[in-house]
C-alpha cells in the first residue's frame, strides 16, 4: 500500500534535516521557489565582480572567448 501524502512529506522532512550539502539545499530551494531572483543568492563580492565586468564591456574592454581561453591555458601551464 502506498504511503499517504502526509507520511511521504514527513519522510522527506526527516531526511532533509540531515542534509549537510549546501548544493543540495540550494537545488531544493530552486525547486520550491523557482521565481526567486538569483541575484539575491550571490555574495556581495560576486555581485561587484559581475557589475565590474558589465562596466568593462560597456567601455569596450572585451576579450574574445578564444583569446581568453588561450590566456587561461598559458597560465595553467
Protein backbone atom coordinates (compact mmCIF):
# COMPACT_ATOMS: atom_id res chain seq x y z
CA UNK A 1 0.00 0.00 0.00
CA UNK A 2 1.32 3.42 -0.95
CA UNK A 3 2.20 5.85 1.83
CA UNK A 4 -0.11 8.76 2.35
CA UNK A 5 0.94 12.16 1.16
CA UNK A 6 1.44 13.33 4.74
CA UNK A 7 3.64 10.33 5.54
CA UNK A 8 5.73 10.91 2.43
CA UNK A 9 6.22 14.59 3.31
CA UNK A 10 7.25 13.68 6.85
CA UNK A 11 9.73 11.15 5.49
CA UNK A 12 11.25 13.81 3.23
CA UNK A 13 11.48 16.30 6.11
CA UNK A 14 13.27 13.75 8.28
CA UNK A 15 15.91 13.26 5.60
CA UNK A 16 16.12 16.96 4.81
CA UNK A 17 17.01 17.70 8.44
CA UNK A 18 20.13 15.56 7.98
CA UNK A 19 21.34 17.16 4.73
CA UNK A 20 24.65 18.99 5.15
CA UNK A 21 25.40 19.64 1.48
CA UNK A 22 24.82 23.32 0.63
CA UNK A 23 24.38 22.49 -3.07
CA UNK A 24 21.55 20.08 -2.34
CA UNK A 25 19.77 22.68 -0.19
CA UNK A 26 20.23 25.23 -2.96
CA UNK A 27 18.70 22.86 -5.51
CA UNK A 28 15.72 22.20 -3.26
CA UNK A 29 15.23 25.96 -2.80
CA UNK A 30 15.31 26.42 -6.57
CA UNK A 31 12.72 23.68 -6.97
CA UNK A 32 10.42 25.10 -4.30
CA UNK A 33 10.93 28.78 -5.18
CA UNK A 34 11.61 28.89 -8.95
CA UNK A 35 10.91 32.60 -9.33
CA UNK A 36 13.42 33.70 -6.71
CA UNK A 37 15.83 36.31 -8.02
CA UNK A 38 19.19 34.53 -8.42
CA UNK A 39 20.97 37.86 -7.91
CA UNK A 40 19.96 37.75 -4.25
CA UNK A 41 21.78 34.44 -3.82
CA UNK A 42 25.10 35.92 -4.92
CA UNK A 43 27.62 37.23 -2.43
CA UNK A 44 28.46 40.93 -2.44
CA UNK A 45 31.83 40.05 -3.98
CA UNK A 46 30.16 38.11 -6.81
CA UNK A 47 27.72 40.96 -7.47
CA UNK A 48 30.55 43.51 -7.60
CA UNK A 49 32.52 41.28 -9.98
CA UNK A 50 29.57 40.95 -12.36
CA UNK A 51 28.85 44.68 -12.27
CA UNK A 52 32.53 45.42 -12.91
CA UNK A 53 32.55 43.04 -15.88
CA UNK A 54 29.43 44.70 -17.33
CA UNK A 55 31.04 48.12 -16.89
CA UNK A 56 34.22 46.97 -18.63
CA UNK A 57 32.19 45.53 -21.51
CA UNK A 58 30.35 48.84 -21.96
CA UNK A 59 33.73 50.59 -22.05
CA UNK A 60 34.86 48.27 -24.84
CA UNK A 61 37.29 46.36 -22.65
CA UNK A 62 36.44 42.98 -24.12
CA UNK A 63 38.42 39.88 -25.00
CA UNK A 64 37.32 37.25 -27.49
CA UNK A 65 36.49 33.89 -25.94
CA UNK A 66 39.27 32.13 -27.87
CA UNK A 67 41.81 34.66 -26.61
CA UNK A 68 40.61 34.28 -23.04
CA UNK A 69 40.81 30.51 -23.20
CA UNK A 70 44.33 30.69 -24.64
CA UNK A 71 45.45 33.04 -21.85
CA UNK A 72 43.99 30.75 -19.20
CA UNK A 73 45.66 27.75 -20.79
CA UNK A 74 49.02 29.54 -20.80
CA UNK A 75 48.64 30.48 -17.10
CA UNK A 76 47.97 26.90 -16.07
CA UNK A 77 50.93 25.51 -18.00
